[in-house]
């Protein structure tokens, strides 16, 4: 949820990929990131593996892709999803990758 919150905070378009319900997309994530943990975010060909929203925001800021914003994110950006949130995502067809 933290990565999505950062994308929304900066009004950035993104594509969710369903790694839970689609083994081919999960395999693609593992191949590209070199590890099995999520979320992974690919930005302009650069893979950020097993990252928090805060890490994604810091990477984009340090690479000049976004400018700092005082707008608040709509979810915690430095914490993993809870087990309950992961379970709820299993029923969705779209997930970050």
C-alpha atoms as a PDB file:
ATOM      1  CA  UNK A   1       0.000   0.000   0.000  1.00  0.00           C
ATOM      2  CA  UNK A   2       2.939   2.341   0.689  1.00  0.00           C
ATOM      3  CA  UNK A   3       4.241   2.221  -2.873  1.00  0.00           C
ATOM      4  CA  UNK A   4       0.761   2.936  -4.244  1.00  0.00           C
ATOM      5  CA  UNK A   5       0.414   5.821  -1.765  1.00  0.00           C
ATOM      6  CA  UNK A   6       3.616   7.402  -3.101  1.00  0.00           C
ATOM      7  CA  UNK A   7       2.472   7.030  -6.694  1.00  0.00           C
ATOM      8  CA  UNK A   8      -0.828   8.703  -5.792  1.00  0.00           C
ATOM      9  CA  UNK A   9       0.920  11.411  -3.749  1.00  0.00           C
ATOM     10  CA  UNK A  10       2.829  12.507  -6.863  1.00  0.00           C
ATOM     11  CA  UNK A  11      -0.018  11.762  -9.324  1.00  0.00           C
ATOM     12  CA  UNK A  12       2.140   9.202 -11.145  1.00  0.00           C
ATOM     13  CA  UNK A  13       0.630   6.569 -13.413  1.00  0.00           C
ATOM     14  CA  UNK A  14       1.583   3.000 -12.604  1.00  0.00           C
ATOM     15  CA  UNK A  15       0.687  -0.542 -13.541  1.00  0.00           C
ATOM     16  CA  UNK A  16      -0.139  -3.128 -10.881  1.00  0.00           C
ATOM     17  CA  UNK A  17       0.922  -6.686 -11.694  1.00  0.00           C
ATOM     18  CA  UNK A  18      -0.780  -9.670 -10.018  1.00  0.00           C
ATOM     19  CA  UNK A  19       2.031 -11.843  -8.631  1.00  0.00           C
ATOM     20  CA  UNK A  20      -0.251 -13.794  -6.300  1.00  0.00           C
ATOM     21  CA  UNK A  21      -2.725 -15.137  -8.835  1.00  0.00           C
ATOM     22  CA  UNK A  22      -0.461 -15.246 -11.903  1.00  0.00           C
ATOM     23  CA  UNK A  23       2.645 -17.470 -11.647  1.00  0.00           C
ATOM     24  CA  UNK A  24       4.069 -16.142 -14.928  1.00  0.00           C
ATOM     25  CA  UNK A  25       4.080 -12.570 -13.615  1.00  0.00           C
ATOM     26  CA  UNK A  26       5.622 -13.764 -10.331  1.00  0.00           C
ATOM     27  CA  UNK A  27       8.357 -15.566 -12.316  1.00  0.00           C
ATOM     28  CA  UNK A  28       8.988 -12.395 -14.332  1.00  0.00           C
ATOM     29  CA  UNK A  29       9.359 -10.383 -11.106  1.00  0.00           C
ATOM     30  CA  UNK A  30      11.836 -12.909  -9.672  1.00  0.00           C
ATOM     31  CA  UNK A  31      13.809 -12.974 -12.921  1.00  0.00           C
ATOM     32  CA  UNK A  32      14.001  -9.196 -13.202  1.00  0.00           C
ATOM     33  CA  UNK A  33      14.648  -8.492  -9.510  1.00  0.00           C
ATOM     34  CA  UNK A  34      16.842 -11.494  -8.721  1.00  0.00           C
ATOM     35  CA  UNK A  35      14.845 -12.264  -5.571  1.00  0.00           C
ATOM     36  CA  UNK A  36      11.329 -13.441  -4.538  1.00  0.00           C
ATOM     37  CA  UNK A  37      10.101 -10.632  -2.263  1.00  0.00           C
ATOM     38  CA  UNK A  38       7.625  -7.892  -3.137  1.00  0.00           C
ATOM     39  CA  UNK A  39       6.868  -5.194  -3.836  1.00  0.00           C
ATOM     40  CA  UNK A  40       9.290  -4.635  -6.664  1.00  0.00           C
ATOM     41  CA  UNK A  41       9.049  -1.464  -8.699  1.00  0.00           C
ATOM     42  CA  UNK A  42      10.611  -1.001 -12.110  1.00  0.00           C
ATOM     43  CA  UNK A  43      11.168   2.622 -13.110  1.00  0.00           C
ATOM     44  CA  UNK A  44      12.657   3.377 -16.522  1.00  0.00           C
ATOM     45  CA  UNK A  45      14.335  -0.032 -16.578  1.00  0.00           C
ATOM     46  CA  UNK A  46      15.754   0.239 -13.039  1.00  0.00           C
ATOM     47  CA  UNK A  47      14.472  -2.420 -10.623  1.00  0.00           C
ATOM     48  CA  UNK A  48      13.848  -1.502  -6.982  1.00  0.00           C
ATOM     49  CA  UNK A  49      13.420  -4.854  -5.247  1.00  0.00           C
ATOM     50  CA  UNK A  50      11.506  -5.498  -2.023  1.00  0.00           C
ATOM     51  CA  UNK A  51      11.034  -1.793  -1.327  1.00  0.00           C
ATOM     52  CA  UNK A  52       8.820   0.404   0.805  1.00  0.00           C
ATOM     53  CA  UNK A  53       6.987   3.437  -0.493  1.00  0.00           C
ATOM     54  CA  UNK A  54       9.475   5.592   1.403  1.00  0.00           C
ATOM     55  CA  UNK A  55      12.390   3.932  -0.423  1.00  0.00           C
ATOM     56  CA  UNK A  56      10.702   4.433  -3.793  1.00  0.00           C
ATOM     57  CA  UNK A  57      10.050   8.090  -3.006  1.00  0.00           C
ATOM     58  CA  UNK A  58      13.659   8.640  -1.876  1.00  0.00           C
ATOM     59  CA  UNK A  59      15.018   6.930  -4.999  1.00  0.00           C
ATOM     60  CA  UNK A  60      12.854   9.051  -7.308  1.00  0.00           C
ATOM     61  CA  UNK A  61      13.826  12.233  -5.435  1.00  0.00           C
ATOM     62  CA  UNK A  62      17.549  11.433  -5.543  1.00  0.00           C
ATOM     63  CA  UNK A  63      17.347  10.678  -9.274  1.00  0.00           C
ATOM     64  CA  UNK A  64      15.474  13.880 -10.095  1.00  0.00           C
ATOM     65  CA  UNK A  65      12.313  12.114 -11.250  1.00  0.00           C
ATOM     66  CA  UNK A  66      10.063  14.000  -8.830  1.00  0.00           C
ATOM     67  CA  UNK A  67      10.278  17.147  -6.751  1.00  0.00           C
ATOM     68  CA  UNK A  68       9.669  17.062  -3.007  1.00  0.00           C
ATOM     69  CA  UNK A  69       6.058  17.498  -1.967  1.00  0.00           C
ATOM     70  CA  UNK A  70       4.542  18.412   1.381  1.00  0.00           C
ATOM     71  CA  UNK A  71       1.360  16.522   0.462  1.00  0.00           C
ATOM     72  CA  UNK A  72       0.677  13.610   2.831  1.00  0.00           C
ATOM     73  CA  UNK A  73       0.497  10.062   1.513  1.00  0.00           C
ATOM     74  CA  UNK A  74      -2.842   8.305   2.063  1.00  0.00           C
ATOM     75  CA  UNK A  75      -1.222   5.209   3.658  1.00  0.00           C
ATOM     76  CA  UNK A  76       1.902   4.449   5.696  1.00  0.00           C
ATOM     77  CA  UNK A  77       4.894   4.424   3.354  1.00  0.00           C
ATOM     78  CA  UNK A  78       7.532   2.824   5.575  1.00  0.00           C
ATOM     79  CA  UNK A  79       5.787  -0.341   6.738  1.00  0.00           C
ATOM     80  CA  UNK A  80       5.011  -3.672   5.075  1.00  0.00           C
ATOM     81  CA  UNK A  81       1.460  -4.841   4.486  1.00  0.00           C
ATOM     82  CA  UNK A  82      -0.167  -6.719   7.329  1.00  0.00           C
ATOM     83  CA  UNK A  83      -1.124 -10.383   6.936  1.00  0.00           C
ATOM     84  CA  UNK A  84      -4.751  -9.261   6.713  1.00  0.00           C
ATOM     85  CA  UNK A  85      -3.940  -6.836   3.877  1.00  0.00           C
ATOM     86  CA  UNK A  86      -2.064  -9.586   2.001  1.00  0.00           C
ATOM     87  CA  UNK A  87      -5.042 -11.920   2.389  1.00  0.00           C
ATOM     88  CA  UNK A  88      -7.440  -9.248   1.117  1.00  0.00           C
ATOM     89  CA  UNK A  89      -5.221  -8.715  -1.935  1.00  0.00           C
ATOM     90  CA  UNK A  90      -5.489 -12.409  -2.869  1.00  0.00           C
ATOM     91  CA  UNK A  91      -9.035 -11.777  -4.073  1.00  0.00           C
ATOM     92  CA  UNK A  92      -8.007  -8.862  -6.293  1.00  0.00           C
ATOM     93  CA  UNK A  93      -6.907  -9.388  -9.852  1.00  0.00           C
ATOM     94  CA  UNK A  94      -4.270  -6.646  -9.898  1.00  0.00           C
ATOM     95  CA  UNK A  95      -1.173  -6.313  -7.705  1.00  0.00           C
ATOM     96  CA  UNK A  96       2.116  -4.435  -7.719  1.00  0.00           C
ATOM     97  CA  UNK A  97       5.063  -6.329  -8.956  1.00  0.00           C
END
